[in-house]
Amino acid sequence: MHYLLIYDLAGDYLERRGPLRHEHLRQAREAVARGELVLGGALADPADQAYLLFQGDSPEAAEEFARNDVYVTEGLVRHWKVREWTTVVGEQAAAPPRV
């Protein structure tokens, strides 16, 4: 199954992320190495949200990532939530239809 971790970013996210980015990316790379995180990144123009795509049997990996992410703990993320995403098309689709 796939889960989207959705971040609502602070208005000054781009100005404040510099000193925290290394730690955030380290955590993300570790989640990739564990096979939990598939893709992640912020929206552009404006950079007001970020989406991280997780895979697994439950939303726990995405939730744990957010609870420990320096962007969250340092206030660059105003709010976050995890949503199950039913992916049906593409090589990594978790629930391709049987037609």
PDB file of N, CA and C in Angstrom:
ATOM      1  N   MET A   1       0.836  -1.176   0.000  1.00  0.00           N
ATOM      2  CA  MET A   1       0.000   0.000   0.000  1.00  0.00           C
ATOM      3  C   MET A   1       0.887   1.248   0.000  1.00  0.00           C
ATOM      4  N   HIS A   2       0.310   2.314  -0.500  1.00  0.00           N
ATOM      5  CA  HIS A   2       1.015   3.589  -0.518  1.00  0.00           C
ATOM      6  C   HIS A   2       0.344   4.571   0.430  1.00  0.00           C
ATOM      7  N   TYR A   3       1.179   5.449   0.996  1.00  0.00           N
ATOM      8  CA  TYR A   3       0.703   6.485   1.905  1.00  0.00           C
ATOM      9  C   TYR A   3       1.393   7.790   1.543  1.00  0.00           C
ATOM     10  N   LEU A   4       0.609   8.863   1.471  1.00  0.00           N
ATOM     11  CA  LEU A   4       1.163  10.188   1.238  1.00  0.00           C
ATOM     12  C   LEU A   4       1.287  10.915   2.569  1.00  0.00           C
ATOM     13  N   LEU A   5       2.472  11.389   2.857  1.00  0.00           N
ATOM     14  CA  LEU A   5       2.696  12.287   3.978  1.00  0.00           C
ATOM     15  C   LEU A   5       2.620  13.687   3.386  1.00  0.00           C
ATOM     16  N   ILE A   6       1.661  14.457   3.852  1.00  0.00           N
ATOM     17  CA  ILE A   6       1.394  15.780   3.298  1.00  0.00           C
ATOM     18  C   ILE A   6       1.791  16.824   4.336  1.00  0.00           C
ATOM     19  N   TYR A   7       2.701  17.704   3.947  1.00  0.00           N
ATOM     20  CA  TYR A   7       3.152  18.794   4.804  1.00  0.00           C
ATOM     21  C   TYR A   7       2.555  20.106   4.322  1.00  0.00           C
ATOM     22  N   ASP A   8       1.997  20.886   5.235  1.00  0.00           N
ATOM     23  CA  ASP A   8       1.660  22.281   4.968  1.00  0.00           C
ATOM     24  C   ASP A   8       2.819  23.101   5.532  1.00  0.00           C
ATOM     25  N   LEU A   9       3.504  23.805   4.662  1.00  0.00           N
ATOM     26  CA  LEU A   9       4.754  24.468   5.033  1.00  0.00           C
ATOM     27  C   LEU A   9       4.526  25.891   5.547  1.00  0.00           C
ATOM     28  N   ALA A  10       5.395  26.320   6.439  1.00  0.00           N
ATOM     29  CA  ALA A  10       5.362  27.678   6.970  1.00  0.00           C
ATOM     30  C   ALA A  10       5.679  28.670   5.852  1.00  0.00           C
ATOM     31  N   GLY A  11       5.197  29.880   5.996  1.00  0.00           N
ATOM     32  CA  GLY A  11       5.414  30.913   4.981  1.00  0.00           C
ATOM     33  C   GLY A  11       6.872  31.232   4.737  1.00  0.00           C
ATOM     34  N   ASP A  12       7.720  31.049   5.756  1.00  0.00           N
ATOM     35  CA  ASP A  12       9.147  31.326   5.615  1.00  0.00           C
ATOM     36  C   ASP A  12       9.975  30.048   5.456  1.00  0.00           C
ATOM     37  N   TYR A  13       9.345  28.989   4.984  1.00  0.00           N
ATOM     38  CA  TYR A  13      10.003  27.687   4.813  1.00  0.00           C
ATOM     39  C   TYR A  13      11.309  27.795   4.024  1.00  0.00           C
ATOM     40  N   LEU A  14      11.271  28.434   2.869  1.00  0.00           N
ATOM     41  CA  LEU A  14      12.465  28.500   2.024  1.00  0.00           C
ATOM     42  C   LEU A  14      13.601  29.259   2.706  1.00  0.00           C
ATOM     43  N   GLU A  15      13.275  30.308   3.448  1.00  0.00           N
ATOM     44  CA  GLU A  15      14.293  31.102   4.119  1.00  0.00           C
ATOM     45  C   GLU A  15      14.913  30.348   5.305  1.00  0.00           C
ATOM     46  N   ARG A  16      14.151  29.492   5.961  1.00  0.00           N
ATOM     47  CA  ARG A  16      14.610  28.837   7.190  1.00  0.00           C
ATOM     48  C   ARG A  16      15.151  27.423   7.005  1.00  0.00           C
ATOM     49  N   ARG A  17      14.944  26.807   5.862  1.00  0.00           N
ATOM     50  CA  ARG A  17      15.287  25.388   5.742  1.00  0.00           C
ATOM     51  C   ARG A  17      16.776  25.103   5.627  1.00  0.00           C
ATOM     52  N   GLY A  18      17.570  26.060   5.193  1.00  0.00           N
ATOM     53  CA  GLY A  18      18.996  25.844   4.933  1.00  0.00           C
ATOM     54  C   GLY A  18      19.741  25.091   6.023  1.00  0.00           C
ATOM     55  N   PRO A  19      19.759  25.591   7.262  1.00  0.00           N
ATOM     56  CA  PRO A  19      20.520  24.923   8.313  1.00  0.00           C
ATOM     57  C   PRO A  19      19.953  23.553   8.716  1.00  0.00           C
ATOM     58  N   LEU A  20      18.707  23.287   8.349  1.00  0.00           N
ATOM     59  CA  LEU A  20      18.046  22.046   8.754  1.00  0.00           C
ATOM     60  C   LEU A  20      18.005  21.002   7.649  1.00  0.00           C
ATOM     61  N   ARG A  21      18.321  21.419   6.447  1.00  0.00           N
ATOM     62  CA  ARG A  21      18.120  20.549   5.279  1.00  0.00           C
ATOM     63  C   ARG A  21      18.963  19.281   5.323  1.00  0.00           C
ATOM     64  N   HIS A  22      20.196  19.387   5.762  1.00  0.00           N
ATOM     65  CA  HIS A  22      21.073  18.211   5.805  1.00  0.00           C
ATOM     66  C   HIS A  22      20.450  17.114   6.680  1.00  0.00           C
ATOM     67  N   GLU A  23      19.984  17.484   7.855  1.00  0.00           N
ATOM     68  CA  GLU A  23      19.388  16.505   8.767  1.00  0.00           C
ATOM     69  C   GLU A  23      18.091  15.926   8.184  1.00  0.00           C
ATOM     70  N   HIS A  24      17.268  16.769   7.592  1.00  0.00           N
ATOM     71  CA  HIS A  24      16.028  16.310   6.960  1.00  0.00           C
ATOM     72  C   HIS A  24      16.329  15.300   5.854  1.00  0.00           C
ATOM     73  N   LEU A  25      17.290  15.620   5.002  1.00  0.00           N
ATOM     74  CA  LEU A  25      17.633  14.725   3.890  1.00  0.00           C
ATOM     75  C   LEU A  25      18.301  13.444   4.382  1.00  0.00           C
ATOM     76  N   ARG A  26      19.064  13.518   5.469  1.00  0.00           N
ATOM     77  CA  ARG A  26      19.651  12.307   6.046  1.00  0.00           C
ATOM     78  C   ARG A  26      18.544  11.353   6.477  1.00  0.00           C
ATOM     79  N   GLN A  27      17.557  11.876   7.167  1.00  0.00           N
ATOM     80  CA  GLN A  27      16.439  11.054   7.611  1.00  0.00           C
ATOM     81  C   GLN A  27      15.694  10.469   6.410  1.00  0.00           C
ATOM     82  N   ALA A  28      15.496  11.279   5.377  1.00  0.00           N
ATOM     83  CA  ALA A  28      14.803  10.807   4.179  1.00  0.00           C
ATOM     84  C   ALA A  28      15.589   9.687   3.496  1.00  0.00           C
ATOM     85  N   ARG A  29      16.886   9.861   3.366  1.00  0.00           N
ATOM     86  CA  ARG A  29      17.713   8.824   2.726  1.00  0.00           C
ATOM     87  C   ARG A  29      17.687   7.518   3.514  1.00  0.00           C
ATOM     88  N   GLU A  30      17.661   7.614   4.835  1.00  0.00           N
ATOM     89  CA  GLU A  30      17.559   6.406   5.653  1.00  0.00           C
ATOM     90  C   GLU A  30      16.224   5.702   5.428  1.00  0.00           C
ATOM     91  N   ALA A  31      15.144   6.472   5.283  1.00  0.00           N
ATOM     92  CA  ALA A  31      13.831   5.880   5.010  1.00  0.00           C
ATOM     93  C   ALA A  31      13.813   5.222   3.632  1.00  0.00           C
ATOM     94  N   VAL A  32      14.504   5.817   2.660  1.00  0.00           N
ATOM     95  CA  VAL A  32      14.625   5.208   1.332  1.00  0.00           C
ATOM     96  C   VAL A  32      15.386   3.890   1.445  1.00  0.00           C
ATOM     97  N   ALA A  33      16.490   3.892   2.166  1.00  0.00           N
ATOM     98  CA  ALA A  33      17.315   2.685   2.313  1.00  0.00           C
ATOM     99  C   ALA A  33      16.538   1.549   2.984  1.00  0.00           C
ATOM    100  N   ARG A  34      15.615   1.892   3.876  1.00  0.00           N
ATOM    101  CA  ARG A  34      14.780   0.875   4.531  1.00  0.00           C
ATOM    102  C   ARG A  34      13.638   0.405   3.643  1.00  0.00           C
ATOM    103  N   GLY A  35      13.457   1.032   2.471  1.00  0.00           N
ATOM    104  CA  GLY A  35      12.386   0.658   1.562  1.00  0.00           C
ATOM    105  C   GLY A  35      11.046   1.275   1.916  1.00  0.00           C
ATOM    106  N   GLU A  36      11.041   2.290   2.759  1.00  0.00           N
ATOM    107  CA  GLU A  36       9.792   2.923   3.194  1.00  0.00           C
ATOM    108  C   GLU A  36       9.417   4.118   2.322  1.00  0.00           C
ATOM    109  N   LEU A  37      10.358   5.002   2.067  1.00  0.00           N
ATOM    110  CA  LEU A  37      10.115   6.232   1.312  1.00  0.00           C
ATOM    111  C   LEU A  37      10.431   5.994  -0.156  1.00  0.00           C
ATOM    112  N   VAL A  38       9.481   6.342  -1.013  1.00  0.00           N
ATOM    113  CA  VAL A  38       9.640   6.148  -2.459  1.00  0.00           C
ATOM    114  C   VAL A  38      10.075   7.442  -3.135  1.00  0.00           C
ATOM    115  N   LEU A  39       9.381   8.525  -2.856  1.00  0.00           N
ATOM    116  CA  LEU A  39       9.649   9.835  -3.456  1.00  0.00           C
ATOM    117  C   LEU A  39       9.285  10.917  -2.451  1.00  0.00           C
ATOM    118  N   GLY A  40       9.882  12.072  -2.597  1.00  0.00           N
ATOM    119  CA  GLY A  40       9.496  13.187  -1.747  1.00  0.00           C
ATOM    120  C   GLY A  40       9.987  14.492  -2.321  1.00  0.00           C
ATOM    121  N   GLY A  41       9.272  15.563  -2.002  1.00  0.00           N
ATOM    122  CA  GLY A  41       9.701  16.888  -2.431  1.00  0.00           C
ATOM    123  C   GLY A  41       8.611  17.914  -2.196  1.00  0.00           C
ATOM    124  N   ALA A  42       9.022  19.170  -2.273  1.00  0.00           N
ATOM    125  CA  ALA A  42       8.104  20.294  -2.060  1.00  0.00           C
ATOM    126  C   ALA A  42       7.526  20.771  -3.385  1.00  0.00           C
ATOM    127  N   LEU A  43       6.323  21.312  -3.322  1.00  0.00           N
ATOM    128  CA  LEU A  43       5.745  21.972  -4.483  1.00  0.00           C
ATOM    129  C   LEU A  43       6.477  23.285  -4.715  1.00  0.00           C
ATOM    130  N   ALA A  44       6.458  23.743  -5.946  1.00  0.00           N
ATOM    131  CA  ALA A  44       7.124  25.003  -6.288  1.00  0.00           C
ATOM    132  C   ALA A  44       6.096  26.055  -6.682  1.00  0.00           C
ATOM    133  N   ASP A  45       6.476  27.295  -6.464  1.00  0.00           N
ATOM    134  CA  ASP A  45       5.719  28.455  -6.939  1.00  0.00           C
ATOM    135  C   ASP A  45       4.231  28.436  -6.606  1.00  0.00           C
ATOM    136  N   PRO A  46       3.848  28.495  -5.384  1.00  0.00           N
ATOM    137  CA  PRO A  46       4.643  28.732  -4.180  1.00  0.00           C
ATOM    138  C   PRO A  46       5.032  27.416  -3.511  1.00  0.00           C
ATOM    139  N   ALA A  47       6.086  27.465  -2.723  1.00  0.00           N
ATOM    140  CA  ALA A  47       6.528  26.303  -1.951  1.00  0.00           C
ATOM    141  C   ALA A  47       5.730  26.271  -0.654  1.00  0.00           C
ATOM    142  N   ASP A  48       4.470  25.862  -0.765  1.00  0.00           N
ATOM    143  CA  ASP A  48       3.579  25.888   0.400  1.00  0.00           C
ATOM    144  C   ASP A  48       3.212  24.508   0.920  1.00  0.00           C
ATOM    145  N   GLN A  49       3.534  23.468   0.154  1.00  0.00           N
ATOM    146  CA  GLN A  49       3.274  22.098   0.575  1.00  0.00           C
ATOM    147  C   GLN A  49       4.410  21.198   0.098  1.00  0.00           C
ATOM    148  N   ALA A  50       4.530  20.054   0.790  1.00  0.00           N
ATOM    149  CA  ALA A  50       5.458  19.016   0.356  1.00  0.00           C
ATOM    150  C   ALA A  50       4.744  17.683   0.469  1.00  0.00           C
ATOM    151  N   TYR A  51       5.117  16.754  -0.388  1.00  0.00           N
ATOM    152  CA  TYR A  51       4.512  15.424  -0.412  1.00  0.00           C
ATOM    153  C   TYR A  51       5.620  14.383  -0.379  1.00  0.00           C
ATOM    154  N   LEU A  52       5.433  13.388   0.469  1.00  0.00           N
ATOM    155  CA  LEU A  52       6.377  12.283   0.559  1.00  0.00           C
ATOM    156  C   LEU A  52       5.578  10.994   0.401  1.00  0.00           C
ATOM    157  N   LEU A  53       5.966  10.174  -0.547  1.00  0.00           N
ATOM    158  CA  LEU A  53       5.267   8.931  -0.848  1.00  0.00           C
ATOM    159  C   LEU A  53       5.955   7.772  -0.135  1.00  0.00           C
ATOM    160  N   PHE A  54       5.212   7.117   0.759  1.00  0.00           N
ATOM    161  CA  PHE A  54       5.705   5.968   1.500  1.00  0.00           C
ATOM    162  C   PHE A  54       5.000   4.710   1.015  1.00  0.00           C
ATOM    163  N   GLN A  55       5.651   3.560   1.226  1.00  0.00           N
ATOM    164  CA  GLN A  55       5.037   2.273   0.923  1.00  0.00           C
ATOM    165  C   GLN A  55       5.186   1.364   2.127  1.00  0.00           C
ATOM    166  N   GLY A  56       4.198   0.514   2.333  1.00  0.00           N
ATOM    167  CA  GLY A  56       4.259  -0.414   3.456  1.00  0.00           C
ATOM    168  C   GLY A  56       2.888  -0.956   3.787  1.00  0.00           C
ATOM    169  N   ASP A  57       2.810  -1.726   4.867  1.00  0.00           N
ATOM    170  CA  ASP A  57       1.558  -2.355   5.280  1.00  0.00           C
ATOM    171  C   ASP A  57       0.679  -1.448   6.127  1.00  0.00           C
ATOM    172  N   SER A  58       1.261  -0.345   6.618  1.00  0.00           N
ATOM    173  CA  SER A  58       0.504   0.575   7.463  1.00  0.00           C
ATOM    174  C   SER A  58       1.089   1.977   7.303  1.00  0.00           C
ATOM    175  N   PRO A  59       0.406   2.987   7.827  1.00  0.00           N
ATOM    176  CA  PRO A  59       0.926   4.351   7.738  1.00  0.00           C
ATOM    177  C   PRO A  59       2.013   4.664   8.765  1.00  0.00           C
ATOM    178  N   GLU A  60       2.388   3.700   9.587  1.00  0.00           N
ATOM    179  CA  GLU A  60       3.297   3.952  10.704  1.00  0.00           C
ATOM    180  C   GLU A  60       4.634   4.563  10.274  1.00  0.00           C
ATOM    181  N   ALA A  61       5.237   4.098   9.196  1.00  0.00           N
ATOM    182  CA  ALA A  61       6.535   4.643   8.772  1.00  0.00           C
ATOM    183  C   ALA A  61       6.419   6.123   8.421  1.00  0.00           C
ATOM    184  N   ALA A  62       5.359   6.491   7.733  1.00  0.00           N
ATOM    185  CA  ALA A  62       5.152   7.900   7.373  1.00  0.00           C
ATOM    186  C   ALA A  62       4.906   8.742   8.618  1.00  0.00           C
ATOM    187  N   GLU A  63       4.107   8.238   9.530  1.00  0.00           N
ATOM    188  CA  GLU A  63       3.804   8.967  10.763  1.00  0.00           C
ATOM    189  C   GLU A  63       5.058   9.140  11.614  1.00  0.00           C
ATOM    190  N   GLU A  64       5.839   8.083  11.723  1.00  0.00           N
ATOM    191  CA  GLU A  64       7.071   8.146  12.507  1.00  0.00           C
ATOM    192  C   GLU A  64       8.062   9.121  11.883  1.00  0.00           C
ATOM    193  N   PHE A  65       8.146   9.116  10.558  1.00  0.00           N
ATOM    194  CA  PHE A  65       9.019  10.056   9.870  1.00  0.00           C
ATOM    195  C   PHE A  65       8.640  11.481  10.248  1.00  0.00           C
ATOM    196  N   ALA A  66       7.353  11.801  10.153  1.00  0.00           N
ATOM    197  CA  ALA A  66       6.903  13.162  10.445  1.00  0.00           C
ATOM    198  C   ALA A  66       7.164  13.538  11.902  1.00  0.00           C
ATOM    199  N   ARG A  67       6.876  12.650  12.824  1.00  0.00           N
ATOM    200  CA  ARG A  67       7.070  12.966  14.242  1.00  0.00           C
ATOM    201  C   ARG A  67       8.526  13.302  14.567  1.00  0.00           C
ATOM    202  N   ASN A  68       9.461  12.729  13.804  1.00  0.00           N
ATOM    203  CA  ASN A  68      10.889  12.927  14.075  1.00  0.00           C
ATOM    204  C   ASN A  68      11.587  13.866  13.098  1.00  0.00           C
ATOM    205  N   ASP A  69      10.878  14.364  12.112  1.00  0.00           N
ATOM    206  CA  ASP A  69      11.488  15.209  11.093  1.00  0.00           C
ATOM    207  C   ASP A  69      11.818  16.587  11.677  1.00  0.00           C
ATOM    208  N   VAL A  70      13.047  17.024  11.481  1.00  0.00           N
ATOM    209  CA  VAL A  70      13.485  18.320  11.989  1.00  0.00           C
ATOM    210  C   VAL A  70      12.656  19.455  11.389  1.00  0.00           C
ATOM    211  N   TYR A  71      12.159  19.298  10.193  1.00  0.00           N
ATOM    212  CA  TYR A  71      11.290  20.327   9.618  1.00  0.00           C
ATOM    213  C   TYR A  71      10.014  20.482  10.442  1.00  0.00           C
ATOM    214  N   VAL A  72       9.527  19.386  10.995  1.00  0.00           N
ATOM    215  CA  VAL A  72       8.333  19.427  11.838  1.00  0.00           C
ATOM    216  C   VAL A  72       8.686  19.968  13.220  1.00  0.00           C
ATOM    217  N   THR A  73       9.712  19.399  13.825  1.00  0.00           N
ATOM    218  CA  THR A  73      10.054  19.781  15.207  1.00  0.00           C
ATOM    219  C   THR A  73      10.522  21.225  15.314  1.00  0.00           C
ATOM    220  N   GLU A  74      11.070  21.783  14.228  1.00  0.00           N
ATOM    221  CA  GLU A  74      11.547  23.171  14.238  1.00  0.00           C
ATOM    222  C   GLU A  74      10.548  24.156  13.639  1.00  0.00           C
ATOM    223  N   GLY A  75       9.339  23.694  13.331  1.00  0.00           N
ATOM    224  CA  GLY A  75       8.274  24.604  12.914  1.00  0.00           C
ATOM    225  C   GLY A  75       8.237  24.995  11.454  1.00  0.00           C
ATOM    226  N   LEU A  76       9.015  24.350  10.589  1.00  0.00           N
ATOM    227  CA  LEU A  76       8.917  24.639   9.159  1.00  0.00           C
ATOM    228  C   LEU A  76       7.655  24.033   8.563  1.00  0.00           C
ATOM    229  N   VAL A  77       7.112  23.036   9.246  1.00  0.00           N
ATOM    230  CA  VAL A  77       5.850  22.404   8.842  1.00  0.00           C
ATOM    231  C   VAL A  77       4.788  22.857   9.832  1.00  0.00           C
ATOM    232  N   ARG A  78       3.745  23.529   9.313  1.00  0.00           N
ATOM    233  CA  ARG A  78       2.663  24.019  10.169  1.00  0.00           C
ATOM    234  C   ARG A  78       1.713  22.898  10.570  1.00  0.00           C
ATOM    235  N   HIS A  79       1.491  21.960   9.660  1.00  0.00           N
ATOM    236  CA  HIS A  79       0.553  20.860   9.890  1.00  0.00           C
ATOM    237  C   HIS A  79       0.949  19.721   8.962  1.00  0.00           C
ATOM    238  N   TRP A  80       0.743  18.491   9.415  1.00  0.00           N
ATOM    239  CA  TRP A  80       0.992  17.336   8.554  1.00  0.00           C
ATOM    240  C   TRP A  80      -0.114  16.315   8.757  1.00  0.00           C
ATOM    241  N   LYS A  81      -0.303  15.500   7.723  1.00  0.00           N
ATOM    242  CA  LYS A  81      -1.245  14.384   7.805  1.00  0.00           C
ATOM    243  C   LYS A  81      -0.778  13.295   6.861  1.00  0.00           C
ATOM    244  N   VAL A  82      -1.246  12.085   7.135  1.00  0.00           N
ATOM    245  CA  VAL A  82      -0.941  10.930   6.289  1.00  0.00           C
ATOM    246  C   VAL A  82      -2.251  10.437   5.715  1.00  0.00           C
ATOM    247  N   ARG A  83      -2.251  10.202   4.401  1.00  0.00           N
ATOM    248  CA  ARG A  83      -3.434   9.683   3.715  1.00  0.00           C
ATOM    249  C   ARG A  83      -3.049   8.427   2.943  1.00  0.00           C
ATOM    250  N   GLU A  84      -3.888   7.395   3.049  1.00  0.00           N
ATOM    251  CA  GLU A  84      -3.686   6.211   2.217  1.00  0.00           C
ATOM    252  C   GLU A  84      -3.998   6.601   0.784  1.00  0.00           C
ATOM    253  N   TRP A  85      -3.152   6.156  -0.136  1.00  0.00           N
ATOM    254  CA  TRP A  85      -3.316   6.488  -1.544  1.00  0.00           C
ATOM    255  C   TRP A  85      -3.434   5.186  -2.318  1.00  0.00           C
ATOM    256  N   THR A  86      -4.566   4.982  -2.952  1.00  0.00           N
ATOM    257  CA  THR A  86      -4.800   3.788  -3.750  1.00  0.00           C
ATOM    258  C   THR A  86      -4.209   4.025  -5.136  1.00  0.00           C
ATOM    259  N   THR A  87      -3.011   3.505  -5.354  1.00  0.00           N
ATOM    260  CA  THR A  87      -2.345   3.675  -6.644  1.00  0.00           C
ATOM    261  C   THR A  87      -2.728   2.506  -7.554  1.00  0.00           C
ATOM    262  N   VAL A  88      -3.144   2.823  -8.773  1.00  0.00           N
ATOM    263  CA  VAL A  88      -3.658   1.789  -9.682  1.00  0.00           C
ATOM    264  C   VAL A  88      -2.941   1.730 -11.023  1.00  0.00           C
ATOM    265  N   VAL A  89      -2.159   2.741 -11.359  1.00  0.00           N
ATOM    266  CA  VAL A  89      -1.484   2.771 -12.654  1.00  0.00           C
ATOM    267  C   VAL A  89      -0.010   3.051 -12.437  1.00  0.00           C
ATOM    268  N   GLY A  90       0.832   2.362 -13.186  1.00  0.00           N
ATOM    269  CA  GLY A  90       2.278   2.554 -13.106  1.00  0.00           C
ATOM    270  C   GLY A  90       2.952   1.300 -12.589  1.00  0.00           C
ATOM    271  N   GLU A  91       4.247   1.232 -12.829  1.00  0.00           N
ATOM    272  CA  GLU A  91       5.005   0.038 -12.457  1.00  0.00           C
ATOM    273  C   GLU A  91       4.962  -0.266 -10.968  1.00  0.00           C
ATOM    274  N   GLN A  92       4.862   0.755 -10.143  1.00  0.00           N
ATOM    275  CA  GLN A  92       4.854   0.547  -8.698  1.00  0.00           C
ATOM    276  C   GLN A  92       3.458   0.636  -8.085  1.00  0.00           C
ATOM    277  N   ALA A  93       2.424   0.584  -8.905  1.00  0.00           N
ATOM    278  CA  ALA A  93       1.061   0.664  -8.395  1.00  0.00           C
ATOM    279  C   ALA A  93       0.818  -0.454  -7.393  1.00  0.00           C
ATOM    280  N   ALA A  94       0.196  -0.097  -6.268  1.00  0.00           N
ATOM    281  CA  ALA A  94      -0.055  -1.079  -5.215  1.00  0.00           C
ATOM    282  C   ALA A  94      -1.336  -1.881  -5.457  1.00  0.00           C
ATOM    283  N   ALA A  95      -2.263  -1.317  -6.225  1.00  0.00           N
ATOM    284  CA  ALA A  95      -3.551  -1.998  -6.448  1.00  0.00           C
ATOM    285  C   ALA A  95      -3.975  -1.899  -7.903  1.00  0.00           C
ATOM    286  N   PRO A  96      -3.165  -2.460  -8.819  1.00  0.00           N
ATOM    287  CA  PRO A  96      -3.550  -2.379 -10.239  1.00  0.00           C
ATOM    288  C   PRO A  96      -4.839  -3.168 -10.488  1.00  0.00           C
ATOM    289  N   PRO A  97      -5.756  -2.610 -11.268  1.00  0.00           N
ATOM    290  CA  PRO A  97      -7.008  -3.325 -11.535  1.00  0.00           C
ATOM    291  C   PRO A  97      -6.758  -4.558 -12.399  1.00  0.00           C
ATOM    292  N   ARG A  98      -7.549  -5.553 -12.149  1.00  0.00           N
ATOM    293  CA  ARG A  98      -7.470  -6.780 -12.981  1.00  0.00           C
ATOM    294  C   ARG A  98      -8.541  -6.686 -14.043  1.00  0.00           C
ATOM    295  N   VAL A  99      -8.088  -6.420 -15.252  1.00  0.00           N
ATOM    296  CA  VAL A  99      -9.034  -6.274 -16.374  1.00  0.00           C
ATOM    297  C   VAL A  99      -8.773  -7.295 -17.441  1.00  0.00           C
TER     298      VAL A  99
END
